[in-house]
Amino acid sequence: MFLPLFVRRNCLTSSLRYLTIRGSCSKLFVGGLSYDTNEPVLKNEFEKYGEVIEVKVICDHKSGKSKGYGFVLFDSEEAAASALASMNNQLLEGRNIRVEYAQPKSGLYQNQK
C-alpha cells in the first residue's frame, strides 16, 4: 500500500526536477540558421506545428546582422515537441538547422551589463 505512493511521489519529483533543470518545455532553440533568415520566415516554418507566441532571431548589436540562431516559443508543450521532432536537421533556406529545447540562461553573465 505504501510502496506505490512512494514510487509515484519519486516519479513526480524527478519529473519536476527535470523540468526545472531543462526549463520551459514550450521554448525551442533553433541553431544553424542562414544569416538571411528573419523572424517572419522562422515563424512561418514553425507555426505549422502549433500556435507560436514569440519568435526571436538573435542579432549582433553593432551590425544588426543575424548571429545564426534564434528561439521559438509555443503556446503548448505538445506543439513544441512536435516541431522539435519534425524540424530538427531539416533544411531551412539552404541550411540544415538544429532544434533543441531552450536552456535557461546561466547565472554567470545574467547580472552583468
N, C-alpha and C. Protein backbone atom coordinates (compact mmCIF):
# COMPACT_ATOMS: atom_id res chain seq x y z
N MET A 1 0.81 -1.18 0.00
CA MET A 1 0.00 0.00 0.00
C MET A 1 0.86 1.26 0.00
N PHE A 2 1.94 1.31 0.76
CA PHE A 2 2.78 2.49 0.82
C PHE A 2 3.76 2.57 -0.34
N LEU A 3 4.14 1.44 -0.86
CA LEU A 3 5.13 1.41 -1.93
C LEU A 3 4.66 2.14 -3.19
N PRO A 4 3.45 1.89 -3.70
CA PRO A 4 3.02 2.62 -4.90
C PRO A 4 2.99 4.13 -4.71
N LEU A 5 2.55 4.58 -3.54
CA LEU A 5 2.53 6.02 -3.27
C LEU A 5 3.95 6.57 -3.28
N PHE A 6 4.88 5.85 -2.65
CA PHE A 6 6.28 6.27 -2.62
C PHE A 6 6.86 6.33 -4.03
N VAL A 7 6.57 5.31 -4.84
CA VAL A 7 7.08 5.28 -6.22
C VAL A 7 6.50 6.42 -7.03
N ARG A 8 5.20 6.66 -6.90
CA ARG A 8 4.58 7.76 -7.64
C ARG A 8 5.16 9.10 -7.22
N ARG A 9 5.39 9.29 -5.95
CA ARG A 9 5.94 10.56 -5.47
C ARG A 9 7.35 10.77 -6.04
N ASN A 10 8.18 9.72 -6.05
CA ASN A 10 9.52 9.85 -6.61
C ASN A 10 9.49 10.14 -8.10
N CYS A 11 8.57 9.51 -8.83
CA CYS A 11 8.45 9.79 -10.27
C CYS A 11 8.08 11.23 -10.51
N LEU A 12 7.11 11.72 -9.74
CA LEU A 12 6.68 13.10 -9.88
C LEU A 12 7.81 14.06 -9.53
N THR A 13 8.50 13.78 -8.45
CA THR A 13 9.59 14.65 -8.02
C THR A 13 10.70 14.68 -9.06
N SER A 14 11.08 13.54 -9.59
CA SER A 14 12.16 13.52 -10.58
C SER A 14 11.71 14.21 -11.88
N SER A 15 10.43 14.08 -12.26
CA SER A 15 9.93 14.75 -13.45
C SER A 15 9.97 16.26 -13.27
N LEU A 16 9.52 16.72 -12.09
CA LEU A 16 9.55 18.16 -11.83
C LEU A 16 10.98 18.69 -11.79
N ARG A 17 11.88 17.92 -11.21
CA ARG A 17 13.28 18.32 -11.16
C ARG A 17 13.83 18.44 -12.58
N TYR A 18 13.49 17.48 -13.45
CA TYR A 18 13.95 17.51 -14.83
C TYR A 18 13.43 18.74 -15.56
N LEU A 19 12.15 19.07 -15.34
CA LEU A 19 11.58 20.25 -15.98
C LEU A 19 12.24 21.52 -15.48
N THR A 20 12.56 21.57 -14.18
CA THR A 20 13.22 22.74 -13.61
C THR A 20 14.61 22.92 -14.21
N ILE A 21 15.32 21.83 -14.37
CA ILE A 21 16.67 21.91 -14.94
C ILE A 21 16.60 22.29 -16.41
N ARG A 22 15.68 21.67 -17.14
CA ARG A 22 15.59 21.90 -18.57
C ARG A 22 14.95 23.24 -18.90
N GLY A 23 14.09 23.74 -18.05
CA GLY A 23 13.41 24.99 -18.31
C GLY A 23 12.09 24.75 -19.01
N SER A 24 11.62 25.75 -19.70
CA SER A 24 10.34 25.66 -20.37
C SER A 24 10.35 24.59 -21.44
N CYS A 25 9.29 23.81 -21.48
CA CYS A 25 9.17 22.77 -22.49
C CYS A 25 8.52 23.28 -23.76
N SER A 26 8.15 24.55 -23.77
CA SER A 26 7.49 25.08 -24.96
C SER A 26 8.37 26.08 -25.71
N LYS A 27 9.61 26.26 -25.27
CA LYS A 27 10.52 27.18 -25.94
C LYS A 27 11.65 26.37 -26.58
N LEU A 28 11.87 26.62 -27.87
CA LEU A 28 12.88 25.89 -28.62
C LEU A 28 14.02 26.81 -29.05
N PHE A 29 15.21 26.26 -29.04
CA PHE A 29 16.40 26.91 -29.60
C PHE A 29 16.53 26.41 -31.02
N VAL A 30 16.78 27.31 -31.95
CA VAL A 30 16.98 26.94 -33.35
C VAL A 30 18.34 27.48 -33.79
N GLY A 31 19.27 26.58 -34.07
CA GLY A 31 20.62 26.96 -34.46
C GLY A 31 20.90 26.59 -35.91
N GLY A 32 21.96 27.16 -36.44
CA GLY A 32 22.36 26.87 -37.81
C GLY A 32 21.56 27.62 -38.85
N LEU A 33 20.92 28.71 -38.44
CA LEU A 33 20.10 29.49 -39.37
C LEU A 33 20.98 30.22 -40.38
N SER A 34 20.44 30.42 -41.54
CA SER A 34 21.08 31.29 -42.52
C SER A 34 21.10 32.70 -41.94
N TYR A 35 22.13 33.45 -42.26
CA TYR A 35 22.21 34.83 -41.75
C TYR A 35 21.13 35.72 -42.35
N ASP A 36 20.46 35.23 -43.38
CA ASP A 36 19.37 35.98 -44.00
C ASP A 36 18.00 35.61 -43.44
N THR A 37 17.92 34.57 -42.62
CA THR A 37 16.64 34.15 -42.05
C THR A 37 16.17 35.19 -41.04
N ASN A 38 14.92 35.61 -41.21
CA ASN A 38 14.36 36.61 -40.29
C ASN A 38 13.20 36.01 -39.49
N GLU A 39 12.63 36.78 -38.60
CA GLU A 39 11.59 36.28 -37.71
C GLU A 39 10.31 35.84 -38.44
N PRO A 40 9.82 36.58 -39.45
CA PRO A 40 8.63 36.10 -40.16
C PRO A 40 8.85 34.74 -40.86
N VAL A 41 10.03 34.53 -41.41
CA VAL A 41 10.32 33.25 -42.07
C VAL A 41 10.33 32.13 -41.04
N LEU A 42 10.98 32.36 -39.90
CA LEU A 42 11.06 31.36 -38.84
C LEU A 42 9.66 31.04 -38.30
N LYS A 43 8.87 32.07 -38.07
CA LYS A 43 7.51 31.87 -37.57
C LYS A 43 6.68 31.07 -38.56
N ASN A 44 6.78 31.40 -39.83
CA ASN A 44 6.02 30.71 -40.88
C ASN A 44 6.34 29.21 -40.90
N GLU A 45 7.60 28.86 -40.72
CA GLU A 45 8.00 27.45 -40.75
C GLU A 45 7.53 26.69 -39.51
N PHE A 46 7.54 27.34 -38.36
CA PHE A 46 7.23 26.64 -37.12
C PHE A 46 5.75 26.66 -36.75
N GLU A 47 4.98 27.59 -37.28
CA GLU A 47 3.57 27.64 -36.89
C GLU A 47 2.76 26.51 -37.51
N LYS A 48 3.38 25.71 -38.35
CA LYS A 48 2.73 24.51 -38.89
C LYS A 48 2.47 23.49 -37.79
N TYR A 49 3.17 23.61 -36.66
CA TYR A 49 3.10 22.63 -35.58
C TYR A 49 2.28 23.08 -34.39
N GLY A 50 1.83 24.32 -34.41
CA GLY A 50 1.01 24.84 -33.32
C GLY A 50 1.12 26.34 -33.24
N GLU A 51 0.40 26.92 -32.29
CA GLU A 51 0.39 28.38 -32.15
C GLU A 51 1.72 28.88 -31.61
N VAL A 52 2.33 29.78 -32.35
CA VAL A 52 3.60 30.38 -31.96
C VAL A 52 3.31 31.69 -31.23
N ILE A 53 3.83 31.80 -30.02
CA ILE A 53 3.61 33.01 -29.23
C ILE A 53 4.66 34.07 -29.55
N GLU A 54 5.91 33.62 -29.70
CA GLU A 54 7.01 34.58 -29.93
C GLU A 54 8.12 33.92 -30.74
N VAL A 55 8.72 34.69 -31.61
CA VAL A 55 9.89 34.26 -32.38
C VAL A 55 10.95 35.34 -32.24
N LYS A 56 12.17 34.92 -31.99
CA LYS A 56 13.27 35.88 -31.84
C LYS A 56 14.50 35.34 -32.55
N VAL A 57 14.98 36.09 -33.55
CA VAL A 57 16.26 35.79 -34.18
C VAL A 57 17.27 36.71 -33.52
N ILE A 58 18.34 36.14 -33.01
CA ILE A 58 19.34 36.91 -32.26
C ILE A 58 20.28 37.60 -33.24
N CYS A 59 20.43 38.90 -33.04
CA CYS A 59 21.25 39.71 -33.94
C CYS A 59 22.40 40.38 -33.19
N ASP A 60 23.45 40.70 -33.92
CA ASP A 60 24.59 41.43 -33.38
C ASP A 60 24.15 42.87 -33.07
N HIS A 61 24.55 43.36 -31.92
CA HIS A 61 24.13 44.70 -31.50
C HIS A 61 24.68 45.80 -32.41
N LYS A 62 25.89 45.64 -32.88
CA LYS A 62 26.51 46.69 -33.69
C LYS A 62 26.07 46.65 -35.15
N SER A 63 26.15 45.48 -35.76
CA SER A 63 25.85 45.38 -37.19
C SER A 63 24.37 45.14 -37.48
N GLY A 64 23.65 44.59 -36.52
CA GLY A 64 22.24 44.28 -36.76
C GLY A 64 22.04 42.99 -37.54
N LYS A 65 23.12 42.31 -37.89
CA LYS A 65 23.04 41.06 -38.66
C LYS A 65 22.75 39.89 -37.73
N SER A 66 22.05 38.90 -38.27
CA SER A 66 21.73 37.70 -37.51
C SER A 66 22.99 36.98 -37.08
N LYS A 67 22.94 36.39 -35.88
CA LYS A 67 24.06 35.57 -35.40
C LYS A 67 23.89 34.10 -35.80
N GLY A 68 22.78 33.77 -36.47
CA GLY A 68 22.59 32.41 -36.96
C GLY A 68 21.82 31.50 -36.01
N TYR A 69 21.17 32.09 -35.02
CA TYR A 69 20.33 31.28 -34.15
C TYR A 69 19.17 32.11 -33.61
N GLY A 70 18.17 31.42 -33.08
CA GLY A 70 17.01 32.11 -32.55
C GLY A 70 16.21 31.21 -31.65
N PHE A 71 15.05 31.70 -31.24
CA PHE A 71 14.17 30.98 -30.32
C PHE A 71 12.74 31.06 -30.81
N VAL A 72 11.99 29.98 -30.58
CA VAL A 72 10.58 29.93 -30.92
C VAL A 72 9.83 29.48 -29.67
N LEU A 73 8.85 30.27 -29.26
CA LEU A 73 8.04 29.96 -28.08
C LEU A 73 6.64 29.57 -28.53
N PHE A 74 6.21 28.36 -28.16
CA PHE A 74 4.89 27.86 -28.49
C PHE A 74 3.94 28.04 -27.33
N ASP A 75 2.64 27.93 -27.61
CA ASP A 75 1.65 28.03 -26.54
C ASP A 75 1.48 26.72 -25.78
N SER A 76 2.03 25.62 -26.32
CA SER A 76 1.89 24.34 -25.63
C SER A 76 3.16 23.49 -25.77
N GLU A 77 3.35 22.62 -24.81
CA GLU A 77 4.49 21.71 -24.84
C GLU A 77 4.35 20.71 -25.98
N GLU A 78 3.13 20.32 -26.29
CA GLU A 78 2.89 19.35 -27.37
C GLU A 78 3.31 19.93 -28.71
N ALA A 79 2.98 21.17 -28.97
CA ALA A 79 3.35 21.82 -30.22
C ALA A 79 4.87 21.92 -30.34
N ALA A 80 5.52 22.27 -29.23
CA ALA A 80 6.99 22.38 -29.24
C ALA A 80 7.63 21.02 -29.50
N ALA A 81 7.11 19.98 -28.87
CA ALA A 81 7.66 18.63 -29.07
C ALA A 81 7.48 18.18 -30.51
N SER A 82 6.34 18.49 -31.09
CA SER A 82 6.07 18.12 -32.48
C SER A 82 7.01 18.87 -33.43
N ALA A 83 7.21 20.15 -33.18
CA ALA A 83 8.11 20.95 -34.01
C ALA A 83 9.55 20.46 -33.89
N LEU A 84 9.96 20.15 -32.67
CA LEU A 84 11.32 19.65 -32.46
C LEU A 84 11.54 18.35 -33.23
N ALA A 85 10.60 17.43 -33.12
CA ALA A 85 10.73 16.14 -33.80
C ALA A 85 10.74 16.29 -35.32
N SER A 86 9.96 17.23 -35.84
CA SER A 86 9.84 17.38 -37.28
C SER A 86 10.90 18.27 -37.91
N MET A 87 11.33 19.30 -37.20
CA MET A 87 12.21 20.30 -37.81
C MET A 87 13.70 20.09 -37.56
N ASN A 88 14.07 19.30 -36.56
CA ASN A 88 15.49 19.09 -36.28
C ASN A 88 16.18 18.44 -37.48
N ASN A 89 17.31 19.00 -37.87
CA ASN A 89 18.12 18.54 -39.01
C ASN A 89 17.42 18.68 -40.35
N GLN A 90 16.46 19.59 -40.44
CA GLN A 90 15.78 19.85 -41.71
C GLN A 90 16.40 21.06 -42.40
N LEU A 91 16.15 21.17 -43.67
CA LEU A 91 16.68 22.26 -44.48
C LEU A 91 15.77 23.48 -44.36
N LEU A 92 16.35 24.63 -44.04
CA LEU A 92 15.61 25.89 -43.99
C LEU A 92 16.48 26.95 -44.64
N GLU A 93 16.00 27.48 -45.74
CA GLU A 93 16.74 28.49 -46.51
C GLU A 93 18.17 28.05 -46.82
N GLY A 94 18.31 26.79 -47.23
CA GLY A 94 19.61 26.28 -47.66
C GLY A 94 20.53 25.80 -46.56
N ARG A 95 20.07 25.80 -45.32
CA ARG A 95 20.91 25.37 -44.19
C ARG A 95 20.20 24.29 -43.40
N ASN A 96 20.96 23.29 -42.93
CA ASN A 96 20.41 22.30 -42.00
C ASN A 96 20.35 22.93 -40.62
N ILE A 97 19.15 23.04 -40.08
CA ILE A 97 19.00 23.67 -38.77
C ILE A 97 19.03 22.63 -37.67
N ARG A 98 19.38 23.08 -36.49
CA ARG A 98 19.42 22.24 -35.29
C ARG A 98 18.37 22.79 -34.32
N VAL A 99 17.47 21.93 -33.88
CA VAL A 99 16.39 22.35 -32.98
C VAL A 99 16.52 21.57 -31.68
N GLU A 100 16.51 22.29 -30.56
CA GLU A 100 16.61 21.69 -29.23
C GLU A 100 15.69 22.46 -28.29
N TYR A 101 15.41 21.86 -27.14
CA TYR A 101 14.72 22.64 -26.11
C TYR A 101 15.66 23.73 -25.63
N ALA A 102 15.13 24.93 -25.44
CA ALA A 102 15.93 26.05 -24.96
C ALA A 102 16.35 25.80 -23.52
N GLN A 103 17.56 26.20 -23.20
CA GLN A 103 18.09 26.08 -21.84
C GLN A 103 18.01 27.44 -21.17
N PRO A 104 17.79 27.47 -19.86
CA PRO A 104 17.77 28.76 -19.17
C PRO A 104 19.16 29.40 -19.21
N LYS A 105 19.17 30.73 -19.15
CA LYS A 105 20.45 31.44 -19.13
C LYS A 105 21.24 31.03 -17.91
N SER A 106 22.55 30.92 -18.07
CA SER A 106 23.38 30.61 -16.91
C SER A 106 23.54 31.88 -16.08
N GLY A 107 23.79 31.72 -14.80
CA GLY A 107 23.91 32.86 -13.90
C GLY A 107 25.19 33.64 -14.07
N LEU A 108 26.14 33.12 -14.85
CA LEU A 108 27.45 33.73 -14.99
C LEU A 108 27.39 35.16 -15.52
N TYR A 109 26.64 35.37 -16.59
CA TYR A 109 26.59 36.70 -17.22
C TYR A 109 25.26 37.40 -17.03
N GLN A 110 24.34 36.77 -16.35
CA GLN A 110 23.00 37.28 -16.24
C GLN A 110 22.93 38.67 -15.59
N ASN A 111 23.73 38.92 -14.58
CA ASN A 111 23.65 40.18 -13.86
C ASN A 111 24.65 41.23 -14.34
N GLN A 112 25.47 40.88 -15.32
CA GLN A 112 26.45 41.84 -15.83
C GLN A 112 25.86 42.62 -16.99
N LYS A 113 26.20 43.90 -17.06
CA LYS A 113 25.71 44.73 -18.17
C LYS A 113 26.83 45.51 -18.80
